[in-house]
Protein backbone atom coordinates (compact mmCIF):
# COMPACT_ATOMS: atom_id res chain seq x y z
CA UNK A 1 -3.16 -11.94 -17.08
CA UNK A 2 -2.22 -15.06 -15.17
CA UNK A 3 1.15 -15.84 -13.66
CA UNK A 4 3.29 -18.51 -15.29
CA UNK A 5 3.75 -21.67 -13.29
CA UNK A 6 6.34 -22.13 -12.04
CA UNK A 7 7.07 -18.45 -11.51
CA UNK A 8 10.49 -17.53 -12.97
CA UNK A 9 13.03 -16.36 -10.40
CA UNK A 10 13.31 -12.82 -11.83
CA UNK A 11 9.53 -12.39 -11.74
CA UNK A 12 9.41 -13.68 -8.16
CA UNK A 13 11.95 -10.98 -7.25
CA UNK A 14 9.81 -8.25 -8.83
CA UNK A 15 6.69 -9.49 -7.02
CA UNK A 16 8.54 -9.68 -3.69
CA UNK A 17 9.88 -6.13 -4.20
CA UNK A 18 6.34 -4.81 -4.71
CA UNK A 19 4.96 -6.69 -1.72
CA UNK A 20 7.79 -5.48 0.53
CA UNK A 21 7.04 -1.92 -0.57
CA UNK A 22 3.49 -2.04 0.76
CA UNK A 23 4.16 -4.35 3.71
CA UNK A 24 4.53 -1.48 6.18
CA UNK A 25 1.69 0.19 8.13
CA UNK A 26 2.78 3.76 7.34
CA UNK A 27 2.91 3.03 3.62
CA UNK A 28 -0.56 1.51 3.75
CA UNK A 29 -1.79 4.65 5.52
CA UNK A 30 -0.14 6.86 2.89
CA UNK A 31 -1.72 4.86 0.07
CA UNK A 32 -5.08 5.06 1.79
CA UNK A 33 -4.81 8.86 1.91
CA UNK A 34 -3.67 9.00 -1.72
CA UNK A 35 -6.79 7.05 -2.61
CA UNK A 36 -8.61 10.39 -2.18
CA UNK A 37 -6.33 12.10 -4.70
CA UNK A 38 -2.93 13.73 -5.10
CA UNK A 39 -1.25 15.13 -2.01
CA UNK A 40 1.98 16.90 -1.18
CA UNK A 41 4.28 15.76 1.62
CA UNK A 42 2.94 18.45 3.97
CA UNK A 43 -0.62 17.19 3.54
CA UNK A 44 0.51 13.61 4.13
CA UNK A 45 2.38 14.69 7.26
CA UNK A 46 -0.78 16.35 8.56
CA UNK A 47 -2.89 13.28 7.78
CA UNK A 48 -0.56 10.72 9.32
CA UNK A 49 1.02 12.71 12.14
CA UNK A 50 4.42 11.38 11.08
CA UNK A 51 7.48 13.56 10.53
CA UNK A 52 8.24 15.00 7.10
CA UNK A 53 11.42 12.91 6.95
CA UNK A 54 9.51 9.71 7.74
CA UNK A 55 6.77 10.39 5.18
CA UNK A 56 9.34 11.27 2.50
CA UNK A 57 11.30 8.08 3.20
CA UNK A 58 8.19 5.91 2.79
CA UNK A 59 7.08 7.76 -0.35
CA UNK A 60 10.47 7.09 -1.93
CA UNK A 61 10.05 3.35 -1.31
CA UNK A 62 6.61 3.44 -2.96
CA UNK A 63 8.00 5.53 -5.83
CA UNK A 64 10.90 3.12 -6.36
CA UNK A 65 8.44 0.21 -6.51
CA UNK A 66 6.37 1.98 -9.17
CA UNK A 67 3.30 2.22 -6.96
CA UNK A 68 3.20 6.03 -6.72
CA UNK A 69 4.28 8.78 -9.05
CA UNK A 70 5.08 12.41 -8.41
CA UNK A 71 4.85 15.76 -10.12
CA UNK A 72 6.24 19.14 -9.19
CA UNK A 73 3.92 22.15 -9.05
CA UNK A 74 5.61 25.34 -7.90
CA UNK A 75 7.43 24.65 -4.64
CA UNK A 76 5.43 21.49 -3.92
CA UNK A 77 5.81 17.89 -5.05
CA UNK A 78 2.52 16.03 -5.34
CA UNK A 79 2.26 12.26 -5.08
CA UNK A 80 -0.42 10.05 -6.61
CA UNK A 81 -1.09 6.34 -6.93
CA UNK A 82 -0.09 5.12 -10.39
CA UNK A 83 -0.69 1.41 -9.77
CA UNK A 84 -4.37 1.16 -8.83
CA UNK A 85 -3.93 -2.61 -8.54
CA UNK A 86 -2.49 -2.02 -5.08
CA UNK A 87 -6.01 -1.20 -3.85
CA UNK A 88 -7.42 -4.43 -5.27
CA UNK A 89 -4.69 -6.33 -3.46
CA UNK A 90 -5.51 -4.58 -0.17
CA UNK A 91 -9.23 -5.27 -0.66
CA UNK A 92 -8.51 -8.94 -1.28
CA UNK A 93 -6.35 -9.18 1.84
CA UNK A 94 -8.98 -7.37 3.92
CA UNK A 95 -11.64 -9.76 2.62
CA UNK A 96 -9.54 -12.73 3.68
CA UNK A 97 -8.95 -11.23 7.13
CA UNK A 98 -12.67 -10.53 7.51
CA UNK A 99 -13.56 -14.15 6.65
CA UNK A 100 -10.98 -15.46 9.12
CA UNK A 101 -12.34 -13.21 11.88
CA UNK A 102 -15.90 -14.36 11.18
CA UNK A 103 -14.82 -18.01 11.32
CA UNK A 104 -12.94 -17.42 14.57
CA UNK A 105 -15.88 -15.56 16.06
CA UNK A 106 -18.18 -18.40 15.08
CA UNK A 107 -15.85 -20.95 16.72
CA UNK A 108 -15.64 -18.89 19.92
CA UNK A 109 -19.41 -18.50 20.12
CA UNK A 110 -19.92 -22.22 19.57
CA UNK A 111 -17.33 -23.24 22.17
CA UNK A 112 -18.31 -20.51 24.66
């Protein structure tokens, strides 16, 4: 699927909402952990070292954006990634960063 050009205002708002949802280091770390499979808040607290309140707050942002889903099992709520496209986006951004670092390194070596 390709984006219409020009992008309609309502679609731009949806895209911006999604990007804002992942544009936070803790949320990226949570998504990275969820890449390994479902996890409850306690497991995510242990992985990140953040408080339960902080982890829960970030998970709610990701849930609201439709990036993660949740299910209740007994006394625990388990979160999972429901929009796998978020990982492709992160990979693309990382690839761009890697290329920029290589170019910068090459310039520094040449000038040094």
